[in-house]
Full PDB file with SEQRES, HELIX, SHEET, SSBOND, CRYST1, ORIGX, SCALE, CONECT and MASTER records, all heavy atoms in Angstrom:
SEQRES   1 A   37  PRO ARG VAL ASP SER ALA LEU LEU ILE GLY ALA ALA GLN          
SEQRES   2 A   37  ILE LEU PHE LEU ASP VAL PRO ASP HIS ALA ALA VAL ASP          
SEQRES   3 A   37  LEU SER VAL ARG LEU VAL GLN ALA ASP ARG PRO                  
HELIX    1 AA1 ARG A    2  PHE A   16  1                                  15    
HELIX    2 AA2 ASP A   21  GLN A   33  1                                  13    
CRYST1    1.000    1.000    1.000  90.00  90.00  90.00 P 1           1          
ORIGX1      1.000000  0.000000  0.000000        0.00000                         
ORIGX2      0.000000  1.000000  0.000000        0.00000                         
ORIGX3      0.000000  0.000000  1.000000        0.00000                         
SCALE1      1.000000  0.000000  0.000000        0.00000                         
SCALE2      0.000000  1.000000  0.000000        0.00000                         
SCALE3      0.000000  0.000000  1.000000        0.00000                         
ATOM      1  N   PRO A   1      -3.740   8.821  -9.599  1.00  0.00           N  
ATOM      2  CA  PRO A   1      -4.732   8.102  -8.815  1.00  0.00           C  
ATOM      3  C   PRO A   1      -4.205   6.874  -8.140  1.00  0.00           C  
ATOM      4  O   PRO A   1      -4.773   6.428  -7.159  1.00  0.00           O  
ATOM      5  CB  PRO A   1      -5.829   7.760  -9.866  1.00  0.00           C  
ATOM      6  CG  PRO A   1      -5.169   7.873 -11.188  1.00  0.00           C  
ATOM      7  CD  PRO A   1      -4.126   8.939 -11.046  1.00  0.00           C  
ATOM      8  N   ARG A   2      -3.044   6.317  -8.629  1.00  0.00           N  
ATOM      9  CA  ARG A   2      -2.506   5.170  -8.002  1.00  0.00           C  
ATOM     10  C   ARG A   2      -2.074   5.458  -6.545  1.00  0.00           C  
ATOM     11  O   ARG A   2      -2.051   4.534  -5.710  1.00  0.00           O  
ATOM     12  CB  ARG A   2      -1.284   4.647  -8.804  1.00  0.00           C  
ATOM     13  CG  ARG A   2      -0.689   3.382  -8.253  1.00  0.00           C  
ATOM     14  CD  ARG A   2      -1.667   2.212  -8.285  1.00  0.00           C  
ATOM     15  NE  ARG A   2      -1.484   1.422  -9.463  1.00  0.00           N  
ATOM     16  CZ  ARG A   2      -2.440   0.698 -10.048  1.00  0.00           C  
ATOM     17  NH1 ARG A   2      -3.660   0.765  -9.572  1.00  0.00           N  
ATOM     18  NH2 ARG A   2      -2.206  -0.019 -11.121  1.00  0.00           N  
ATOM     19  N   VAL A   3      -1.759   6.702  -6.262  1.00  0.00           N  
ATOM     20  CA  VAL A   3      -1.391   7.060  -4.872  1.00  0.00           C  
ATOM     21  C   VAL A   3      -2.572   6.788  -3.931  1.00  0.00           C  
ATOM     22  O   VAL A   3      -2.403   6.216  -2.869  1.00  0.00           O  
ATOM     23  CB  VAL A   3      -0.991   8.551  -4.800  1.00  0.00           C  
ATOM     24  CG1 VAL A   3      -0.790   8.987  -3.349  1.00  0.00           C  
ATOM     25  CG2 VAL A   3       0.294   8.784  -5.590  1.00  0.00           C  
ATOM     26  N   ASP A   4      -3.760   7.149  -4.359  1.00  0.00           N  
ATOM     27  CA  ASP A   4      -4.964   6.909  -3.519  1.00  0.00           C  
ATOM     28  C   ASP A   4      -5.172   5.458  -3.296  1.00  0.00           C  
ATOM     29  O   ASP A   4      -5.341   4.998  -2.143  1.00  0.00           O  
ATOM     30  CB  ASP A   4      -6.192   7.540  -4.229  1.00  0.00           C  
ATOM     31  CG  ASP A   4      -7.468   7.406  -3.413  1.00  0.00           C  
ATOM     32  OD1 ASP A   4      -7.368   7.436  -2.169  1.00  0.00           O  
ATOM     33  OD2 ASP A   4      -8.548   7.293  -4.037  1.00  0.00           O  
ATOM     34  N   SER A   5      -5.196   4.631  -4.353  1.00  0.00           N  
ATOM     35  CA  SER A   5      -5.475   3.218  -4.201  1.00  0.00           C  
ATOM     36  C   SER A   5      -4.364   2.519  -3.382  1.00  0.00           C  
ATOM     37  O   SER A   5      -4.646   1.656  -2.557  1.00  0.00           O  
ATOM     38  CB  SER A   5      -5.644   2.537  -5.564  1.00  0.00           C  
ATOM     39  OG  SER A   5      -4.596   2.809  -6.402  1.00  0.00           O  
ATOM     40  N   ALA A   6      -3.113   2.941  -3.582  1.00  0.00           N  
ATOM     41  CA  ALA A   6      -1.998   2.356  -2.809  1.00  0.00           C  
ATOM     42  C   ALA A   6      -2.131   2.689  -1.307  1.00  0.00           C  
ATOM     43  O   ALA A   6      -1.879   1.839  -0.449  1.00  0.00           O  
ATOM     44  CB  ALA A   6      -0.657   2.828  -3.357  1.00  0.00           C  
ATOM     45  N   LEU A   7      -2.520   3.906  -1.007  1.00  0.00           N  
ATOM     46  CA  LEU A   7      -2.700   4.286   0.393  1.00  0.00           C  
ATOM     47  C   LEU A   7      -3.861   3.522   1.007  1.00  0.00           C  
ATOM     48  O   LEU A   7      -3.784   3.046   2.166  1.00  0.00           O  
ATOM     49  CB  LEU A   7      -2.963   5.797   0.504  1.00  0.00           C  
ATOM     50  CG  LEU A   7      -1.720   6.707   0.328  1.00  0.00           C  
ATOM     51  CD1 LEU A   7      -2.131   8.157   0.230  1.00  0.00           C  
ATOM     52  CD2 LEU A   7      -0.746   6.496   1.491  1.00  0.00           C  
ATOM     53  N   LEU A   8      -4.967   3.396   0.285  1.00  0.00           N  
ATOM     54  CA  LEU A   8      -6.136   2.687   0.804  1.00  0.00           C  
ATOM     55  C   LEU A   8      -5.805   1.226   1.089  1.00  0.00           C  
ATOM     56  O   LEU A   8      -6.171   0.683   2.128  1.00  0.00           O  
ATOM     57  CB  LEU A   8      -7.310   2.781  -0.182  1.00  0.00           C  
ATOM     58  CG  LEU A   8      -7.956   4.177  -0.292  1.00  0.00           C  
ATOM     59  CD1 LEU A   8      -8.954   4.182  -1.455  1.00  0.00           C  
ATOM     60  CD2 LEU A   8      -8.683   4.536   1.006  1.00  0.00           C  
ATOM     61  N   ILE A   9      -5.138   0.591   0.147  1.00  0.00           N  
ATOM     62  CA  ILE A   9      -4.790  -0.793   0.299  1.00  0.00           C  
ATOM     63  C   ILE A   9      -3.808  -0.976   1.453  1.00  0.00           C  
ATOM     64  O   ILE A   9      -3.948  -1.902   2.270  1.00  0.00           O  
ATOM     65  CB  ILE A   9      -4.193  -1.356  -1.018  1.00  0.00           C  
ATOM     66  CG1 ILE A   9      -5.302  -1.509  -2.061  1.00  0.00           C  
ATOM     67  CG2 ILE A   9      -3.478  -2.672  -0.806  1.00  0.00           C  
ATOM     68  CD1 ILE A   9      -4.798  -1.810  -3.460  1.00  0.00           C  
ATOM     69  N   GLY A  10      -2.811  -0.120   1.542  1.00  0.00           N  
ATOM     70  CA  GLY A  10      -1.843  -0.218   2.666  1.00  0.00           C  
ATOM     71  C   GLY A  10      -2.528  -0.008   3.988  1.00  0.00           C  
ATOM     72  O   GLY A  10      -2.311  -0.738   4.939  1.00  0.00           O  
ATOM     73  N   ALA A  11      -3.375   1.008   4.069  1.00  0.00           N  
ATOM     74  CA  ALA A  11      -4.060   1.350   5.353  1.00  0.00           C  
ATOM     75  C   ALA A  11      -4.997   0.206   5.745  1.00  0.00           C  
ATOM     76  O   ALA A  11      -5.082  -0.125   6.940  1.00  0.00           O  
ATOM     77  CB  ALA A  11      -4.813   2.655   5.180  1.00  0.00           C  
ATOM     78  N   ALA A  12      -5.704  -0.392   4.799  1.00  0.00           N  
ATOM     79  CA  ALA A  12      -6.610  -1.481   5.112  1.00  0.00           C  
ATOM     80  C   ALA A  12      -5.877  -2.656   5.712  1.00  0.00           C  
ATOM     81  O   ALA A  12      -6.351  -3.309   6.660  1.00  0.00           O  
ATOM     82  CB  ALA A  12      -7.387  -1.871   3.856  1.00  0.00           C  
ATOM     83  N   GLN A  13      -4.696  -2.936   5.155  1.00  0.00           N  
ATOM     84  CA  GLN A  13      -3.914  -4.070   5.691  1.00  0.00           C  
ATOM     85  C   GLN A  13      -3.392  -3.770   7.090  1.00  0.00           C  
ATOM     86  O   GLN A  13      -3.408  -4.630   7.956  1.00  0.00           O  
ATOM     87  CB  GLN A  13      -2.736  -4.347   4.764  1.00  0.00           C  
ATOM     88  CG  GLN A  13      -3.181  -4.895   3.410  1.00  0.00           C  
ATOM     89  CD  GLN A  13      -2.036  -4.965   2.440  1.00  0.00           C  
ATOM     90  OE1 GLN A  13      -1.351  -5.990   2.296  1.00  0.00           O  
ATOM     91  NE2 GLN A  13      -1.741  -3.859   1.776  1.00  0.00           N  
ATOM     92  N   ILE A  14      -2.931  -2.539   7.301  1.00  0.00           N  
ATOM     93  CA  ILE A  14      -2.396  -2.168   8.614  1.00  0.00           C  
ATOM     94  C   ILE A  14      -3.481  -2.205   9.687  1.00  0.00           C  
ATOM     95  O   ILE A  14      -3.261  -2.686  10.806  1.00  0.00           O  
ATOM     96  CB  ILE A  14      -1.750  -0.765   8.531  1.00  0.00           C  
ATOM     97  CG1 ILE A  14      -0.491  -0.810   7.707  1.00  0.00           C  
ATOM     98  CG2 ILE A  14      -1.482  -0.194   9.910  1.00  0.00           C  
ATOM     99  CD1 ILE A  14       0.037   0.553   7.278  1.00  0.00           C  
ATOM    100  N   LEU A  15      -4.665  -1.731   9.348  1.00  0.00           N  
ATOM    101  CA  LEU A  15      -5.688  -1.548  10.386  1.00  0.00           C  
ATOM    102  C   LEU A  15      -6.630  -2.756  10.511  1.00  0.00           C  
ATOM    103  O   LEU A  15      -7.148  -3.000  11.615  1.00  0.00           O  
ATOM    104  CB  LEU A  15      -6.539  -0.301  10.037  1.00  0.00           C  
ATOM    105  CG  LEU A  15      -5.795   1.030  10.104  1.00  0.00           C  
ATOM    106  CD1 LEU A  15      -6.661   2.137   9.567  1.00  0.00           C  
ATOM    107  CD2 LEU A  15      -5.342   1.340  11.518  1.00  0.00           C  
ATOM    108  N   PHE A  16      -6.870  -3.476   9.430  1.00  0.00           N  
ATOM    109  CA  PHE A  16      -7.976  -4.478   9.492  1.00  0.00           C  
ATOM    110  C   PHE A  16      -7.560  -5.895   9.080  1.00  0.00           C  
ATOM    111  O   PHE A  16      -8.348  -6.797   9.276  1.00  0.00           O  
ATOM    112  CB  PHE A  16      -9.108  -3.999   8.583  1.00  0.00           C  
ATOM    113  CG  PHE A  16      -9.678  -2.673   8.947  1.00  0.00           C  
ATOM    114  CD1 PHE A  16      -9.589  -1.587   8.086  1.00  0.00           C  
ATOM    115  CD2 PHE A  16     -10.295  -2.459  10.170  1.00  0.00           C  
ATOM    116  CE1 PHE A  16     -10.136  -0.368   8.417  1.00  0.00           C  
ATOM    117  CE2 PHE A  16     -10.797  -1.233  10.533  1.00  0.00           C  
ATOM    118  CZ  PHE A  16     -10.734  -0.162   9.643  1.00  0.00           C  
ATOM    119  N   LEU A  17      -6.413  -6.079   8.462  1.00  0.00           N  
ATOM    120  CA  LEU A  17      -6.036  -7.406   7.967  1.00  0.00           C  
ATOM    121  C   LEU A  17      -4.800  -7.931   8.658  1.00  0.00           C  
ATOM    122  O   LEU A  17      -3.988  -7.154   9.176  1.00  0.00           O  
ATOM    123  CB  LEU A  17      -5.849  -7.378   6.460  1.00  0.00           C  
ATOM    124  CG  LEU A  17      -7.087  -6.996   5.646  1.00  0.00           C  
ATOM    125  CD1 LEU A  17      -6.751  -6.975   4.144  1.00  0.00           C  
ATOM    126  CD2 LEU A  17      -8.233  -7.985   5.882  1.00  0.00           C  
ATOM    127  N   ASP A  18      -4.675  -9.230   8.625  1.00  0.00           N  
ATOM    128  CA  ASP A  18      -3.531  -9.882   9.273  1.00  0.00           C  
ATOM    129  C   ASP A  18      -2.309  -9.920   8.353  1.00  0.00           C  
ATOM    130  O   ASP A  18      -1.893 -10.937   7.854  1.00  0.00           O  
ATOM    131  CB  ASP A  18      -3.926 -11.296   9.705  1.00  0.00           C  
ATOM    132  CG  ASP A  18      -2.852 -11.960  10.537  1.00  0.00           C  
ATOM    133  OD1 ASP A  18      -2.018 -11.237  11.101  1.00  0.00           O  
ATOM    134  OD2 ASP A  18      -2.847 -13.213  10.611  1.00  0.00           O  
ATOM    135  N   VAL A  19      -1.818  -8.701   8.073  1.00  0.00           N  
ATOM    136  CA  VAL A  19      -0.642  -8.554   7.220  1.00  0.00           C  
ATOM    137  C   VAL A  19       0.387  -7.738   8.016  1.00  0.00           C  
ATOM    138  O   VAL A  19       0.070  -6.748   8.603  1.00  0.00           O  
ATOM    139  CB  VAL A  19      -1.013  -7.783   5.930  1.00  0.00           C  
ATOM    140  CG1 VAL A  19       0.254  -7.507   5.101  1.00  0.00           C  
ATOM    141  CG2 VAL A  19      -2.037  -8.547   5.095  1.00  0.00           C  
ATOM    142  N   PRO A  20       1.645  -8.209   8.063  1.00  0.00           N  
ATOM    143  CA  PRO A  20       2.665  -7.433   8.780  1.00  0.00           C  
ATOM    144  C   PRO A  20       2.736  -5.996   8.263  1.00  0.00           C  
ATOM    145  O   PRO A  20       2.692  -5.768   7.061  1.00  0.00           O  
ATOM    146  CB  PRO A  20       3.946  -8.204   8.500  1.00  0.00           C  
ATOM    147  CG  PRO A  20       3.523  -9.602   8.178  1.00  0.00           C  
ATOM    148  CD  PRO A  20       2.198  -9.447   7.497  1.00  0.00           C  
ATOM    149  N   ASP A  21       2.880  -5.074   9.179  1.00  0.00           N  
ATOM    150  CA  ASP A  21       2.870  -3.640   8.793  1.00  0.00           C  
ATOM    151  C   ASP A  21       3.985  -3.349   7.798  1.00  0.00           C  
ATOM    152  O   ASP A  21       3.754  -2.598   6.808  1.00  0.00           O  
ATOM    153  CB  ASP A  21       3.092  -2.764  10.053  1.00  0.00           C  
ATOM    154  CG  ASP A  21       1.865  -2.743  10.951  1.00  0.00           C  
ATOM    155  OD1 ASP A  21       0.801  -3.251  10.503  1.00  0.00           O  
ATOM    156  OD2 ASP A  21       1.955  -2.240  12.077  1.00  0.00           O  
ATOM    157  N   HIS A  22       5.170  -3.942   7.993  1.00  0.00           N  
ATOM    158  CA  HIS A  22       6.276  -3.620   7.088  1.00  0.00           C  
ATOM    159  C   HIS A  22       5.984  -4.076   5.659  1.00  0.00           C  
ATOM    160  O   HIS A  22       6.346  -3.427   4.681  1.00  0.00           O  
ATOM    161  CB  HIS A  22       7.588  -4.224   7.589  1.00  0.00           C  
ATOM    162  CG  HIS A  22       7.622  -5.716   7.559  1.00  0.00           C  
ATOM    163  ND1 HIS A  22       8.016  -6.443   6.443  1.00  0.00           N  
ATOM    164  CD2 HIS A  22       7.273  -6.683   8.517  1.00  0.00           C  
ATOM    165  CE1 HIS A  22       7.882  -7.742   6.713  1.00  0.00           C  
ATOM    166  NE2 HIS A  22       7.481  -7.910   7.928  1.00  0.00           N  
ATOM    167  N   ALA A  23       5.278  -5.221   5.549  1.00  0.00           N  
ATOM    168  CA  ALA A  23       4.933  -5.728   4.207  1.00  0.00           C  
ATOM    169  C   ALA A  23       3.860  -4.839   3.587  1.00  0.00           C  
ATOM    170  O   ALA A  23       3.941  -4.531   2.373  1.00  0.00           O  
ATOM    171  CB  ALA A  23       4.435  -7.164   4.303  1.00  0.00           C  
ATOM    172  N   ALA A  24       2.899  -4.400   4.361  1.00  0.00           N  
ATOM    173  CA  ALA A  24       1.850  -3.516   3.853  1.00  0.00           C  
ATOM    174  C   ALA A  24       2.443  -2.220   3.321  1.00  0.00           C  
ATOM    175  O   ALA A  24       2.076  -1.743   2.230  1.00  0.00           O  
ATOM    176  CB  ALA A  24       0.818  -3.224   4.953  1.00  0.00           C  
ATOM    177  N   VAL A  25       3.369  -1.615   4.079  1.00  0.00           N  
ATOM    178  CA  VAL A  25       3.996  -0.373   3.665  1.00  0.00           C  
ATOM    179  C   VAL A  25       4.868  -0.605   2.429  1.00  0.00           C  
ATOM    180  O   VAL A  25       4.749   0.125   1.440  1.00  0.00           O  
ATOM    181  CB  VAL A  25       4.868   0.204   4.798  1.00  0.00           C  
ATOM    182  CG1 VAL A  25       5.612   1.428   4.326  1.00  0.00           C  
ATOM    183  CG2 VAL A  25       3.990   0.524   6.033  1.00  0.00           C  
ATOM    184  N   ASP A  26       5.702  -1.635   2.467  1.00  0.00           N  
ATOM    185  CA  ASP A  26       6.633  -1.861   1.369  1.00  0.00           C  
ATOM    186  C   ASP A  26       5.912  -2.115   0.034  1.00  0.00           C  
ATOM    187  O   ASP A  26       6.258  -1.555  -1.015  1.00  0.00           O  
ATOM    188  CB  ASP A  26       7.524  -3.075   1.688  1.00  0.00           C  
ATOM    189  CG  ASP A  26       8.498  -3.401   0.576  1.00  0.00           C  
ATOM    190  OD1 ASP A  26       9.328  -2.536   0.275  1.00  0.00           O  
ATOM    191  OD2 ASP A  26       8.342  -4.474  -0.027  1.00  0.00           O  
ATOM    192  N   LEU A  27       4.831  -2.925   0.068  1.00  0.00           N  
ATOM    193  CA  LEU A  27       4.153  -3.251  -1.176  1.00  0.00           C  
ATOM    194  C   LEU A  27       3.384  -2.034  -1.707  1.00  0.00           C  
ATOM    195  O   LEU A  27       3.262  -1.904  -2.954  1.00  0.00           O  
ATOM    196  CB  LEU A  27       3.223  -4.436  -0.945  1.00  0.00           C  
ATOM    197  CG  LEU A  27       3.989  -5.760  -0.819  1.00  0.00           C  
ATOM    198  CD1 LEU A  27       3.089  -6.865  -0.201  1.00  0.00           C  
ATOM    199  CD2 LEU A  27       4.538  -6.245  -2.167  1.00  0.00           C  
ATOM    200  N   SER A  28       2.872  -1.198  -0.843  1.00  0.00           N  
ATOM    201  CA  SER A  28       2.184   0.004  -1.322  1.00  0.00           C  
ATOM    202  C   SER A  28       3.188   0.959  -1.957  1.00  0.00           C  
ATOM    203  O   SER A  28       2.908   1.632  -2.969  1.00  0.00           O  
ATOM    204  CB  SER A  28       1.424   0.686  -0.191  1.00  0.00           C  
ATOM    205  OG  SER A  28       0.209  -0.009   0.068  1.00  0.00           O  
ATOM    206  N   VAL A  29       4.356   1.069  -1.372  1.00  0.00           N  
ATOM    207  CA  VAL A  29       5.426   1.906  -1.954  1.00  0.00           C  
ATOM    208  C   VAL A  29       5.812   1.355  -3.327  1.00  0.00           C  
ATOM    209  O   VAL A  29       5.972   2.120  -4.293  1.00  0.00           O  
ATOM    210  CB  VAL A  29       6.620   1.988  -1.022  1.00  0.00           C  
ATOM    211  CG1 VAL A  29       7.801   2.620  -1.723  1.00  0.00           C  
ATOM    212  CG2 VAL A  29       6.261   2.748   0.253  1.00  0.00           C  
ATOM    213  N   ARG A  30       5.943   0.053  -3.442  1.00  0.00           N  
ATOM    214  CA  ARG A  30       6.306  -0.519  -4.739  1.00  0.00           C  
ATOM    215  C   ARG A  30       5.193  -0.323  -5.771  1.00  0.00           C  
ATOM    216  O   ARG A  30       5.481  -0.170  -6.955  1.00  0.00           O  
ATOM    217  CB  ARG A  30       6.572  -2.028  -4.553  1.00  0.00           C  
ATOM    218  CG  ARG A  30       7.870  -2.312  -3.818  1.00  0.00           C  
ATOM    219  CD  ARG A  30       8.050  -3.820  -3.591  1.00  0.00           C  
ATOM    220  NE  ARG A  30       9.245  -4.078  -2.808  1.00  0.00           N  
ATOM    221  CZ  ARG A  30      10.442  -4.286  -3.310  1.00  0.00           C  
ATOM    222  NH1 ARG A  30      10.626  -4.235  -4.634  1.00  0.00           N  
ATOM    223  NH2 ARG A  30      11.474  -4.536  -2.547  1.00  0.00           N  
ATOM    224  N   LEU A  31       3.953  -0.280  -5.311  1.00  0.00           N  
ATOM    225  CA  LEU A  31       2.831  -0.033  -6.205  1.00  0.00           C  
ATOM    226  C   LEU A  31       2.989   1.327  -6.895  1.00  0.00           C  
ATOM    227  O   LEU A  31       2.800   1.470  -8.104  1.00  0.00           O  
ATOM    228  CB  LEU A  31       1.517  -0.071  -5.443  1.00  0.00           C  
ATOM    229  CG  LEU A  31       0.681  -1.322  -5.494  1.00  0.00           C  
ATOM    230  CD1 LEU A  31      -0.619  -1.114  -4.702  1.00  0.00           C  
ATOM    231  CD2 LEU A  31       0.348  -1.747  -6.903  1.00  0.00           C  
ATOM    232  N   VAL A  32       3.300   2.335  -6.108  1.00  0.00           N  
ATOM    233  CA  VAL A  32       3.409   3.682  -6.714  1.00  0.00           C  
ATOM    234  C   VAL A  32       4.716   3.815  -7.482  1.00  0.00           C  
ATOM    235  O   VAL A  32       4.775   4.541  -8.493  1.00  0.00           O  
ATOM    236  CB  VAL A  32       3.269   4.802  -5.635  1.00  0.00           C  
ATOM    237  CG1 VAL A  32       1.857   4.805  -5.011  1.00  0.00           C  
ATOM    238  CG2 VAL A  32       4.309   4.676  -4.563  1.00  0.00           C  
ATOM    239  N   GLN A  33       5.768   3.142  -7.036  1.00  0.00           N  
ATOM    240  CA  GLN A  33       7.034   3.214  -7.803  1.00  0.00           C  
ATOM    241  C   GLN A  33       6.878   2.611  -9.201  1.00  0.00           C  
ATOM    242  O   GLN A  33       7.556   3.054 -10.159  1.00  0.00           O  
ATOM    243  CB  GLN A  33       8.125   2.447  -7.041  1.00  0.00           C  
ATOM    244  CG  GLN A  33       8.599   3.178  -5.799  1.00  0.00           C  
ATOM    245  CD  GLN A  33       9.597   2.349  -4.989  1.00  0.00           C  
ATOM    246  OE1 GLN A  33       9.620   1.100  -5.097  1.00  0.00           O  
ATOM    247  NE2 GLN A  33      10.432   3.022  -4.189  1.00  0.00           N  
ATOM    248  N   ALA A  34       5.965   1.653  -9.359  1.00  0.00           N  
ATOM    249  CA  ALA A  34       5.767   1.001 -10.644  1.00  0.00           C  
ATOM    250  C   ALA A  34       4.822   1.779 -11.562  1.00  0.00           C  
ATOM    251  O   ALA A  34       4.635   1.399 -12.715  1.00  0.00           O  
ATOM    252  CB  ALA A  34       5.201  -0.421 -10.436  1.00  0.00           C  
ATOM    253  N   ASP A  35       4.288   2.878 -11.050  1.00  0.00           N  
ATOM    254  CA  ASP A  35       3.339   3.693 -11.851  1.00  0.00           C  
ATOM    255  C   ASP A  35       3.980   5.050 -12.116  1.00  0.00           C  
ATOM    256  O   ASP A  35       4.266   5.808 -11.192  1.00  0.00           O  
ATOM    257  CB  ASP A  35       2.042   3.866 -11.052  1.00  0.00           C  
ATOM    258  CG  ASP A  35       1.003   4.666 -11.815  1.00  0.00           C  
ATOM    259  OD1 ASP A  35       0.293   4.070 -12.645  1.00  0.00           O  
ATOM    260  OD2 ASP A  35       0.906   5.873 -11.592  1.00  0.00           O  
ATOM    261  N   ARG A  36       4.246   5.353 -13.397  1.00  0.00           N  
ATOM    262  CA  ARG A  36       5.038   6.544 -13.726  1.00  0.00           C  
ATOM    263  C   ARG A  36       4.451   7.829 -13.105  1.00  0.00           C  
ATOM    264  O   ARG A  36       5.227   8.601 -12.479  1.00  0.00           O  
ATOM    265  CB  ARG A  36       5.155   6.685 -15.256  1.00  0.00           C  
ATOM    266  CG  ARG A  36       6.052   7.878 -15.664  1.00  0.00           C  
ATOM    267  CD  ARG A  36       6.351   7.836 -17.144  1.00  0.00           C  
ATOM    268  NE  ARG A  36       7.117   6.652 -17.505  1.00  0.00           N  
ATOM    269  CZ  ARG A  36       7.430   6.309 -18.780  1.00  0.00           C  
ATOM    270  NH1 ARG A  36       6.967   7.089 -19.747  1.00  0.00           N  
ATOM    271  NH2 ARG A  36       8.139   5.253 -19.017  1.00  0.00           N  
ATOM    272  N   PRO A  37       3.151   8.129 -13.269  1.00  0.00           N  
ATOM    273  CA  PRO A  37       2.676   9.391 -12.674  1.00  0.00           C  
ATOM    274  C   PRO A  37       2.738   9.440 -11.158  1.00  0.00           C  
ATOM    275  O   PRO A  37       2.850  10.500 -10.543  1.00  0.00           O  
ATOM    276  CB  PRO A  37       1.193   9.445 -13.145  1.00  0.00           C  
ATOM    277  CG  PRO A  37       1.124   8.525 -14.303  1.00  0.00           C  
ATOM    278  CD  PRO A  37       2.102   7.452 -14.039  1.00  0.00           C  
TER     279      PRO A  37                                                      
MASTER        0    0    0    2    0    0    0    6  278    1    0    3          
END                                                                             
């Protein structure tokens, strides 16, 4: 399920928040990397 939440959080930052795209992508990738499943 962490894949879903990481994608939602990344997409929200890219589309609606003032967060650089590269940071939004990188942090979502790190989120799933830190979750074993």
